[in-house]
Amino acid sequence: MINDSATTDPSPVPDQASRHRIWRRLIPLDAHGDIRLGVLAALLCMIGSWYVSTWLDESATAHIISYPRAQMNELFTWTDLVYAPYYYLMHYWTALVGINPFTLRLPSVLAVGVGTAAMAATGRVLVARRGQLLYAACFVLLPRVMAMGIEARPYAFAAMFVACAVWLVVLIGRRPTACRVIGLTAAMALAVYAQMYAVLPVIGLTLVGLLTIRTRHR
C-alpha cells in the first residue's frame, strides 16, 4: 500500500528560477533597468541629504548664486572660474525654485542618479545582468560618491560626466559613431570643467580608448 503522506508534494516554495524572474521584472536587463537603478541611487542620496546639515562650502554656494548676474561675472573674472558653469546653473535653478538645503542639493542628487544609470549601462554591456548591478552598486555605494550627492557642490557633476564618458568609451569600442564620439568629447570636457582633478580619470579613459578603439575611429 502506497503511503499518501510520502507522495504528497509539500507547500510550493519559489525556486531560484522564479526569484530570477521576479528580479528581472524589477530590474530588466535593458535601458529601463539602468534608469531604475539610477532612480534608486538618487532616492538613497535624497534620503541622506535630509540628515546632513549644510557646511561652509555649501553656504558659499548659496551666497554666490544669490548675487546678480553682473556681480557673478566679475567674481569669475578673478577667482573660482572653474566653478562658473555650476554656479550659473544653480543661479537659474534657485531663481525658479528658491534657495533651501533641499533645492541646493537636488541637482547633485540627480547627478548621482544619472551617473549610476550610466555605470549600470556600462556593466550591462560588458557583463550582462551581474555587471549591471555590480557596476551601479560600486559607483553609488562609494562613500565619496554618496557624499558628493548630498552636498551643494559641483563634484557630483564631475563624477556623472566621468561615468557617462566610461559608458561612451565602451559603446565606441563596440560600434563607433559620430554621435558617440561627440558625446564622449563633451563628457570628458565637462567633467574637467566641473572639477579640475577629473583630468586624471579622463587621461585614463583616453589611454583605454587608444588601446580598445579601432585605429581608424580613434
C-alpha atoms as a PDB file:
ATOM      1  CA  MET A   1       0.000   0.000   0.000  1.00  0.00           C
ATOM      2  CA  ILE A   2       1.373   3.409  -1.013  1.00  0.00           C
ATOM      3  CA  ASN A   3       1.834   5.910   1.762  1.00  0.00           C
ATOM      4  CA  ASP A   4      -0.003   9.050   0.641  1.00  0.00           C
ATOM      5  CA  SER A   5       1.932  11.214   3.053  1.00  0.00           C
ATOM      6  CA  ALA A   6       5.201  10.225   1.383  1.00  0.00           C
ATOM      7  CA  THR A   7       3.995  11.203  -2.070  1.00  0.00           C
ATOM      8  CA  THR A   8       2.230  14.397  -1.118  1.00  0.00           C
ATOM      9  CA  ASP A   9       4.057  17.414  -2.516  1.00  0.00           C
ATOM     10  CA  PRO A  10       4.929  19.954   0.223  1.00  0.00           C
ATOM     11  CA  SER A  11       3.816  23.545   0.027  1.00  0.00           C
ATOM     12  CA  PRO A  12       5.355  25.128  -3.058  1.00  0.00           C
ATOM     13  CA  VAL A  13       8.416  27.276  -2.411  1.00  0.00           C
ATOM     14  CA  PRO A  14       9.599  29.740  -5.046  1.00  0.00           C
ATOM     15  CA  ASP A  15      12.616  28.180  -6.724  1.00  0.00           C
ATOM     16  CA  GLN A  16      15.665  30.042  -7.914  1.00  0.00           C
ATOM     17  CA  ALA A  17      14.273  30.467 -11.420  1.00  0.00           C
ATOM     18  CA  SER A  18      11.137  32.088 -10.021  1.00  0.00           C
ATOM     19  CA  ARG A  19      13.193  34.503  -7.953  1.00  0.00           C
ATOM     20  CA  HIS A  20      15.226  35.386 -11.023  1.00  0.00           C
ATOM     21  CA  ARG A  21      12.031  36.075 -12.969  1.00  0.00           C
ATOM     22  CA  ILE A  22      10.791  38.392 -10.226  1.00  0.00           C
ATOM     23  CA  TRP A  23      14.138  40.209 -10.162  1.00  0.00           C
ATOM     24  CA  ARG A  24      14.167  40.540 -13.955  1.00  0.00           C
ATOM     25  CA  ARG A  25      10.761  42.215 -13.799  1.00  0.00           C
ATOM     26  CA  LEU A  26      12.004  44.666 -11.159  1.00  0.00           C
ATOM     27  CA  ILE A  27      15.325  45.470 -12.861  1.00  0.00           C
ATOM     28  CA  PRO A  28      15.125  44.375 -16.519  1.00  0.00           C
ATOM     29  CA  LEU A  29      18.329  43.838 -18.470  1.00  0.00           C
ATOM     30  CA  ASP A  30      17.854  46.888 -20.685  1.00  0.00           C
ATOM     31  CA  ALA A  31      17.893  50.676 -20.514  1.00  0.00           C
ATOM     32  CA  HIS A  32      14.797  50.634 -18.286  1.00  0.00           C
ATOM     33  CA  GLY A  33      16.762  48.652 -15.712  1.00  0.00           C
ATOM     34  CA  ASP A  34      19.614  51.169 -15.863  1.00  0.00           C
ATOM     35  CA  ILE A  35      17.146  54.010 -15.276  1.00  0.00           C
ATOM     36  CA  ARG A  36      15.524  52.221 -12.334  1.00  0.00           C
ATOM     37  CA  LEU A  37      18.900  51.713 -10.689  1.00  0.00           C
ATOM     38  CA  GLY A  38      19.665  55.389 -11.256  1.00  0.00           C
ATOM     39  CA  VAL A  39      16.373  56.400  -9.644  1.00  0.00           C
ATOM     40  CA  LEU A  40      17.103  54.120  -6.681  1.00  0.00           C
ATOM     41  CA  ALA A  41      20.551  55.716  -6.250  1.00  0.00           C
ATOM     42  CA  ALA A  42      19.043  59.206  -6.385  1.00  0.00           C
ATOM     43  CA  LEU A  43      16.499  58.243  -3.740  1.00  0.00           C
ATOM     44  CA  LEU A  44      19.258  56.943  -1.460  1.00  0.00           C
ATOM     45  CA  CYS A  45      21.134  60.232  -1.815  1.00  0.00           C
ATOM     46  CA  MET A  46      17.959  62.210  -1.268  1.00  0.00           C
ATOM     47  CA  ILE A  47      17.294  60.362   1.981  1.00  0.00           C
ATOM     48  CA  GLY A  48      20.861  61.011   3.099  1.00  0.00           C
ATOM     49  CA  SER A  49      20.593  64.710   2.292  1.00  0.00           C
ATOM     50  CA  TRP A  50      17.842  65.148   4.887  1.00  0.00           C
ATOM     51  CA  TYR A  51      20.136  64.085   7.732  1.00  0.00           C
ATOM     52  CA  VAL A  52      23.222  66.183   6.985  1.00  0.00           C
ATOM     53  CA  SER A  53      23.415  69.843   7.905  1.00  0.00           C
ATOM     54  CA  THR A  54      24.868  72.365   5.481  1.00  0.00           C
ATOM     55  CA  TRP A  55      28.573  73.123   5.745  1.00  0.00           C
ATOM     56  CA  LEU A  56      30.839  76.018   4.833  1.00  0.00           C
ATOM     57  CA  ASP A  57      31.294  75.341   1.100  1.00  0.00           C
ATOM     58  CA  GLU A  58      27.568  74.824   0.640  1.00  0.00           C
ATOM     59  CA  SER A  59      26.970  78.156   2.329  1.00  0.00           C
ATOM     60  CA  ALA A  60      29.443  79.683  -0.135  1.00  0.00           C
ATOM     61  CA  THR A  61      27.419  78.188  -3.000  1.00  0.00           C
ATOM     62  CA  ALA A  62      24.198  79.672  -1.622  1.00  0.00           C
ATOM     63  CA  HIS A  63      25.891  83.051  -1.142  1.00  0.00           C
ATOM     64  CA  ILE A  64      27.484  83.279  -4.600  1.00  0.00           C
ATOM     65  CA  ILE A  65      24.437  82.185  -6.585  1.00  0.00           C
ATOM     66  CA  SER A  66      22.340  84.806  -4.804  1.00  0.00           C
ATOM     67  CA  TYR A  67      24.403  87.582  -6.490  1.00  0.00           C
ATOM     68  CA  PRO A  68      23.013  89.365  -9.547  1.00  0.00           C
ATOM     69  CA  ARG A  69      24.429  88.038 -12.811  1.00  0.00           C
ATOM     70  CA  ALA A  70      26.709  91.061 -13.310  1.00  0.00           C
ATOM     71  CA  GLN A  71      28.404  90.586  -9.925  1.00  0.00           C
ATOM     72  CA  MET A  72      28.834  86.860 -10.599  1.00  0.00           C
ATOM     73  CA  ASN A  73      30.599  87.675 -13.869  1.00  0.00           C
ATOM     74  CA  GLU A  74      33.002  89.974 -12.044  1.00  0.00           C
ATOM     75  CA  LEU A  75      33.761  87.292  -9.465  1.00  0.00           C
ATOM     76  CA  PHE A  76      34.563  84.663 -12.078  1.00  0.00           C
ATOM     77  CA  THR A  77      36.971  87.019 -13.816  1.00  0.00           C
ATOM     78  CA  TRP A  78      39.352  86.592 -10.886  1.00  0.00           C
ATOM     79  CA  THR A  79      38.508  83.513  -8.851  1.00  0.00           C
ATOM     80  CA  ASP A  80      36.538  80.266  -8.987  1.00  0.00           C
ATOM     81  CA  LEU A  81      36.414  80.291 -12.786  1.00  0.00           C
ATOM     82  CA  VAL A  82      36.331  76.500 -12.891  1.00  0.00           C
ATOM     83  CA  TYR A  83      33.110  76.547 -10.855  1.00  0.00           C
ATOM     84  CA  ALA A  84      31.391  79.126 -13.073  1.00  0.00           C
ATOM     85  CA  PRO A  85      29.155  76.686 -15.030  1.00  0.00           C
ATOM     86  CA  TYR A  86      27.928  75.123 -11.795  1.00  0.00           C
ATOM     87  CA  TYR A  87      27.222  78.471 -10.164  1.00  0.00           C
ATOM     88  CA  TYR A  88      25.344  79.717 -13.224  1.00  0.00           C
ATOM     89  CA  LEU A  89      23.287  76.515 -13.286  1.00  0.00           C
ATOM     90  CA  MET A  90      22.451  76.889  -9.616  1.00  0.00           C
ATOM     91  CA  HIS A  91      21.742  80.608 -10.043  1.00  0.00           C
ATOM     92  CA  TYR A  92      18.985  79.958 -12.577  1.00  0.00           C
ATOM     93  CA  TRP A  93      17.773  76.817 -10.829  1.00  0.00           C
ATOM     94  CA  THR A  94      17.266  78.525  -7.480  1.00  0.00           C
ATOM     95  CA  ALA A  95      15.694  81.527  -9.214  1.00  0.00           C
ATOM     96  CA  LEU A  96      12.921  79.097 -10.197  1.00  0.00           C
ATOM     97  CA  VAL A  97      12.593  77.009  -7.037  1.00  0.00           C
ATOM     98  CA  GLY A  98      14.107  79.143  -4.268  1.00  0.00           C
ATOM     99  CA  ILE A  99      17.107  78.512  -2.016  1.00  0.00           C
ATOM    100  CA  ASN A 100      16.952  75.956   0.767  1.00  0.00           C
ATOM    101  CA  PRO A 101      19.051  72.898   1.641  1.00  0.00           C
ATOM    102  CA  PHE A 102      16.845  70.580  -0.423  1.00  0.00           C
ATOM    103  CA  THR A 103      16.854  72.643  -3.624  1.00  0.00           C
ATOM    104  CA  LEU A 104      20.577  73.319  -3.290  1.00  0.00           C
ATOM    105  CA  ARG A 105      21.364  69.617  -3.079  1.00  0.00           C
ATOM    106  CA  LEU A 106      18.805  68.254  -5.529  1.00  0.00           C
ATOM    107  CA  PRO A 107      20.959  68.800  -8.675  1.00  0.00           C
ATOM    108  CA  SER A 108      23.795  66.810  -7.072  1.00  0.00           C
ATOM    109  CA  VAL A 109      21.338  64.079  -6.080  1.00  0.00           C
ATOM    110  CA  LEU A 110      20.129  63.835  -9.676  1.00  0.00           C
ATOM    111  CA  ALA A 111      23.716  63.832 -10.970  1.00  0.00           C
ATOM    112  CA  VAL A 112      24.498  60.755  -8.869  1.00  0.00           C
ATOM    113  CA  GLY A 113      21.366  59.093 -10.245  1.00  0.00           C
ATOM    114  CA  VAL A 114      22.439  59.752 -13.835  1.00  0.00           C
ATOM    115  CA  GLY A 115      25.979  58.577 -13.094  1.00  0.00           C
ATOM    116  CA  THR A 116      24.650  55.368 -11.561  1.00  0.00           C
ATOM    117  CA  ALA A 117      22.468  54.725 -14.608  1.00  0.00           C
ATOM    118  CA  ALA A 118      25.498  55.250 -16.864  1.00  0.00           C
ATOM    119  CA  MET A 119      27.582  52.800 -14.842  1.00  0.00           C
ATOM    120  CA  ALA A 120      24.723  50.279 -14.835  1.00  0.00           C
ATOM    121  CA  ALA A 121      24.584  50.557 -18.628  1.00  0.00           C
ATOM    122  CA  THR A 122      28.352  50.035 -18.807  1.00  0.00           C
ATOM    123  CA  GLY A 123      28.137  46.877 -16.718  1.00  0.00           C
ATOM    124  CA  ARG A 124      25.156  45.634 -18.727  1.00  0.00           C
ATOM    125  CA  VAL A 125      27.065  45.994 -21.998  1.00  0.00           C
ATOM    126  CA  LEU A 126      30.200  44.320 -20.627  1.00  0.00           C
ATOM    127  CA  VAL A 127      28.943  41.634 -18.240  1.00  0.00           C
ATOM    128  CA  ALA A 128      25.134  41.416 -18.638  1.00  0.00           C
ATOM    129  CA  ARG A 129      22.919  41.429 -15.525  1.00  0.00           C
ATOM    130  CA  ARG A 130      25.573  40.836 -12.874  1.00  0.00           C
ATOM    131  CA  GLY A 131      27.652  43.630 -14.329  1.00  0.00           C
ATOM    132  CA  GLN A 132      24.645  45.925 -14.486  1.00  0.00           C
ATOM    133  CA  LEU A 133      24.029  45.524 -10.761  1.00  0.00           C
ATOM    134  CA  LEU A 134      27.673  45.381  -9.687  1.00  0.00           C
ATOM    135  CA  TYR A 135      28.795  48.460 -11.587  1.00  0.00           C
ATOM    136  CA  ALA A 136      25.849  50.504 -10.331  1.00  0.00           C
ATOM    137  CA  ALA A 137      26.387  49.377  -6.731  1.00  0.00           C
ATOM    138  CA  CYS A 138      30.141  50.010  -6.802  1.00  0.00           C
ATOM    139  CA  PHE A 139      29.525  53.531  -8.072  1.00  0.00           C
ATOM    140  CA  VAL A 140      26.745  54.743  -5.810  1.00  0.00           C
ATOM    141  CA  LEU A 141      27.930  52.979  -2.646  1.00  0.00           C
ATOM    142  CA  LEU A 142      31.384  54.537  -2.734  1.00  0.00           C
ATOM    143  CA  PRO A 143      31.407  56.770   0.355  1.00  0.00           C
ATOM    144  CA  ARG A 144      32.828  59.717  -1.562  1.00  0.00           C
ATOM    145  CA  VAL A 145      30.228  59.458  -4.328  1.00  0.00           C
ATOM    146  CA  MET A 146      27.428  59.358  -1.770  1.00  0.00           C
ATOM    147  CA  ALA A 147      28.957  62.364  -0.005  1.00  0.00           C
ATOM    148  CA  MET A 148      29.142  64.286  -3.287  1.00  0.00           C
ATOM    149  CA  GLY A 149      25.496  63.511  -3.915  1.00  0.00           C
ATOM    150  CA  ILE A 150      24.305  65.140  -0.711  1.00  0.00           C
ATOM    151  CA  GLU A 151      26.212  68.413  -0.963  1.00  0.00           C
ATOM    152  CA  ALA A 152      25.616  71.581  -2.968  1.00  0.00           C
ATOM    153  CA  ARG A 153      28.920  71.487  -4.827  1.00  0.00           C
ATOM    154  CA  PRO A 154      29.900  70.581  -8.419  1.00  0.00           C
ATOM    155  CA  TYR A 155      31.755  67.357  -7.650  1.00  0.00           C
ATOM    156  CA  ALA A 156      28.782  65.050  -8.267  1.00  0.00           C
ATOM    157  CA  PHE A 157      28.542  66.530 -11.755  1.00  0.00           C
ATOM    158  CA  ALA A 158      32.189  65.674 -12.423  1.00  0.00           C
ATOM    159  CA  ALA A 159      31.525  62.086 -11.315  1.00  0.00           C
ATOM    160  CA  MET A 160      28.425  61.952 -13.525  1.00  0.00           C
ATOM    161  CA  PHE A 161      30.289  63.144 -16.614  1.00  0.00           C
ATOM    162  CA  VAL A 162      33.146  60.693 -15.998  1.00  0.00           C
ATOM    163  CA  ALA A 163      30.640  57.835 -15.643  1.00  0.00           C
ATOM    164  CA  CYS A 164      28.978  58.867 -18.905  1.00  0.00           C
ATOM    165  CA  ALA A 165      32.396  59.024 -20.568  1.00  0.00           C
ATOM    166  CA  VAL A 166      33.183  55.466 -19.397  1.00  0.00           C
ATOM    167  CA  TRP A 167      29.902  54.255 -20.878  1.00  0.00           C
ATOM    168  CA  LEU A 168      30.577  56.028 -24.185  1.00  0.00           C
ATOM    169  CA  VAL A 169      34.110  54.612 -24.411  1.00  0.00           C
ATOM    170  CA  VAL A 170      32.625  51.131 -24.086  1.00  0.00           C
ATOM    171  CA  LEU A 171      29.983  51.856 -26.725  1.00  0.00           C
ATOM    172  CA  ILE A 172      32.537  53.361 -29.112  1.00  0.00           C
ATOM    173  CA  GLY A 173      34.704  50.279 -28.638  1.00  0.00           C
ATOM    174  CA  ARG A 174      31.742  48.160 -29.759  1.00  0.00           C
ATOM    175  CA  ARG A 175      30.449  50.392 -32.559  1.00  0.00           C
ATOM    176  CA  PRO A 176      31.910  53.836 -33.220  1.00  0.00           C
ATOM    177  CA  THR A 177      29.511  56.539 -34.403  1.00  0.00           C
ATOM    178  CA  ALA A 178      29.874  60.273 -34.791  1.00  0.00           C
ATOM    179  CA  CYS A 179      27.258  60.978 -32.106  1.00  0.00           C
ATOM    180  CA  ARG A 180      29.062  58.791 -29.586  1.00  0.00           C
ATOM    181  CA  VAL A 181      32.405  60.433 -30.300  1.00  0.00           C
ATOM    182  CA  ILE A 182      30.885  63.901 -29.915  1.00  0.00           C
ATOM    183  CA  GLY A 183      29.167  62.817 -26.693  1.00  0.00           C
ATOM    184  CA  LEU A 184      32.425  61.393 -25.320  1.00  0.00           C
ATOM    185  CA  THR A 185      34.310  64.581 -26.126  1.00  0.00           C
ATOM    186  CA  ALA A 186      31.659  66.694 -24.416  1.00  0.00           C
ATOM    187  CA  ALA A 187      31.506  64.414 -21.352  1.00  0.00           C
ATOM    188  CA  MET A 188      35.264  64.498 -20.858  1.00  0.00           C
ATOM    189  CA  ALA A 189      35.459  68.273 -21.272  1.00  0.00           C
ATOM    190  CA  LEU A 190      32.538  68.897 -18.909  1.00  0.00           C
ATOM    191  CA  ALA A 191      33.999  66.526 -16.305  1.00  0.00           C
ATOM    192  CA  VAL A 192      37.243  68.513 -16.208  1.00  0.00           C
ATOM    193  CA  TYR A 193      35.369  71.819 -16.197  1.00  0.00           C
ATOM    194  CA  ALA A 194      33.219  70.669 -13.273  1.00  0.00           C
ATOM    195  CA  GLN A 195      36.277  69.525 -11.310  1.00  0.00           C
ATOM    196  CA  MET A 196      39.854  70.022 -12.457  1.00  0.00           C
ATOM    197  CA  TYR A 197      41.046  66.781 -10.843  1.00  0.00           C
ATOM    198  CA  ALA A 198      38.723  64.854 -13.169  1.00  0.00           C
ATOM    199  CA  VAL A 199      41.569  65.181 -15.669  1.00  0.00           C
ATOM    200  CA  LEU A 200      43.107  62.072 -14.020  1.00  0.00           C
ATOM    201  CA  PRO A 201      40.305  59.613 -14.933  1.00  0.00           C
ATOM    202  CA  VAL A 202      39.958  61.391 -18.279  1.00  0.00           C
ATOM    203  CA  ILE A 203      43.610  60.601 -19.049  1.00  0.00           C
ATOM    204  CA  GLY A 204      42.935  57.008 -18.043  1.00  0.00           C
ATOM    205  CA  LEU A 205      39.921  56.848 -20.341  1.00  0.00           C
ATOM    206  CA  THR A 206      41.995  58.273 -23.183  1.00  0.00           C
ATOM    207  CA  LEU A 207      44.574  55.510 -22.754  1.00  0.00           C
ATOM    208  CA  VAL A 208      41.848  52.858 -22.617  1.00  0.00           C
ATOM    209  CA  GLY A 209      40.288  54.290 -25.761  1.00  0.00           C
ATOM    210  CA  LEU A 210      43.610  54.202 -27.604  1.00  0.00           C
ATOM    211  CA  LEU A 211      44.008  50.532 -26.695  1.00  0.00           C
ATOM    212  CA  THR A 212      40.441  49.359 -27.345  1.00  0.00           C
ATOM    213  CA  ILE A 213      39.019  51.517 -30.141  1.00  0.00           C
ATOM    214  CA  ARG A 214      39.933  50.602 -33.680  1.00  0.00           C
ATOM    215  CA  THR A 215      42.609  52.783 -35.216  1.00  0.00           C
ATOM    216  CA  ARG A 216      40.519  54.362 -37.972  1.00  0.00           C
ATOM    217  CA  HIS A 217      37.904  55.561 -35.456  1.00  0.00           C
ATOM    218  CA  ARG A 218      40.207  56.970 -32.747  1.00  0.00           C
END
